[in-house]
Protein backbone atom coordinates (compact mmCIF):
# COMPACT_ATOMS: atom_id res chain seq x y z
CA MET A 1 -70.55 151.08 160.32
CA ASN A 2 -71.82 154.63 159.91
CA PRO A 3 -68.73 156.90 159.61
CA ASN A 4 -70.21 159.47 162.02
CA LYS A 5 -70.87 156.78 164.61
CA ALA A 6 -67.32 155.46 164.18
CA LEU A 7 -65.87 158.95 164.69
CA TRP A 8 -67.79 159.62 167.92
CA GLU A 9 -67.07 156.16 169.32
CA LYS A 10 -63.36 156.30 168.41
CA GLY A 11 -62.15 158.88 170.93
CA ASP A 12 -62.67 159.22 174.66
CA PHE A 13 -65.29 161.94 174.52
CA THR A 14 -66.38 161.12 178.07
CA GLU A 15 -63.12 162.75 179.18
CA ILE A 16 -63.93 165.85 177.12
CA ALA A 17 -67.47 165.89 178.50
CA ALA A 18 -66.09 166.04 182.04
CA PHE A 19 -64.71 169.49 181.21
CA MET A 20 -68.13 170.55 179.90
CA ARG A 21 -70.17 169.67 183.01
CA GLN A 22 -70.11 173.16 184.49
CA SER A 23 -71.20 174.75 181.23
CA GLY A 24 -74.00 172.18 180.87
CA GLU A 25 -75.25 172.92 184.38
CA ALA A 26 -74.98 176.69 183.77
CA LEU A 27 -77.01 176.35 180.58
CA VAL A 28 -79.69 174.39 182.38
CA LYS A 29 -79.95 177.01 185.14
CA ALA A 30 -80.25 179.77 182.53
CA LEU A 31 -83.14 177.97 180.82
CA GLY A 32 -85.44 178.43 183.82
CA ILE A 33 -86.82 174.90 183.81
CA THR A 34 -90.33 174.57 185.21
CA THR A 35 -92.28 171.36 185.59
CA PRO A 36 -93.85 169.79 183.75
CA MET A 37 -91.46 170.25 180.84
CA ARG A 38 -90.59 167.65 178.20
CA ILE A 39 -87.19 167.91 176.50
CA LEU A 40 -85.52 165.96 173.71
CA ASP A 41 -81.72 166.21 173.93
CA VAL A 42 -80.40 165.20 170.50
CA GLY A 43 -76.71 164.40 170.66
CA CYS A 44 -76.88 164.02 174.43
CA GLY A 45 -73.48 162.38 174.75
CA ASP A 46 -73.05 161.20 178.30
CA GLY A 47 -75.80 163.46 179.62
CA THR A 48 -73.92 166.72 180.20
CA THR A 49 -77.16 168.66 179.71
CA ALA A 50 -79.82 165.93 179.92
CA LEU A 51 -79.00 164.83 183.46
CA PRO A 52 -79.08 168.32 185.06
CA LEU A 53 -82.39 168.95 183.25
CA ALA A 54 -83.85 165.76 184.71
CA ARG A 55 -82.61 166.64 188.20
CA LEU A 56 -84.62 169.86 187.97
CA GLY A 57 -87.79 167.91 187.19
CA ALA A 58 -87.90 167.96 183.40
CA GLU A 59 -88.91 164.79 181.57
CA VAL A 60 -85.88 164.25 179.34
CA VAL A 61 -85.17 161.85 176.52
CA GLY A 62 -81.55 161.84 175.45
CA ILE A 63 -80.39 160.20 172.22
CA ASP A 64 -76.95 159.95 170.68
CA ILE A 65 -75.29 158.07 167.84
CA ALA A 66 -72.42 156.99 170.11
CA LYS A 67 -73.45 154.07 172.30
CA ASN A 68 -70.31 154.39 174.44
CA LEU A 69 -71.30 157.93 175.47
CA VAL A 70 -74.87 156.93 176.28
CA ASP A 71 -73.55 153.98 178.29
CA ALA A 72 -71.26 156.35 180.23
CA GLY A 73 -74.20 158.64 181.02
CA SER A 74 -76.31 155.71 182.13
CA VAL A 75 -73.97 154.91 185.01
CA GLN A 76 -73.36 158.41 186.34
CA PRO A 77 -73.92 158.77 190.09
CA GLY A 78 -77.17 160.39 191.15
CA ARG A 79 -79.13 159.68 188.00
CA ASP A 80 -82.42 157.87 188.12
CA GLN A 81 -83.08 154.58 186.36
CA ARG A 82 -84.84 155.90 183.25
CA PRO A 83 -82.98 154.69 180.18
CA LEU A 84 -80.98 156.92 177.89
CA LEU A 85 -81.25 155.89 174.24
């Protein structure tokens, strides 16, 4: 297994991400998202930034090395059914 992947999948980073939600939403508001906008969120984790961007109408693709984080983001309440990678 890739050592970086093992590191990110080893801990419970979804718990850490919960503390980052407000900062992710604040960042998104500061960006001034207008539609149509296409965004690639590299290292999206569980969607701390990707999901608020999508809620504002951006077309977002989120990718991350840690499948457990992407899986956690895929089941968050209020998100649409587009897949995270």
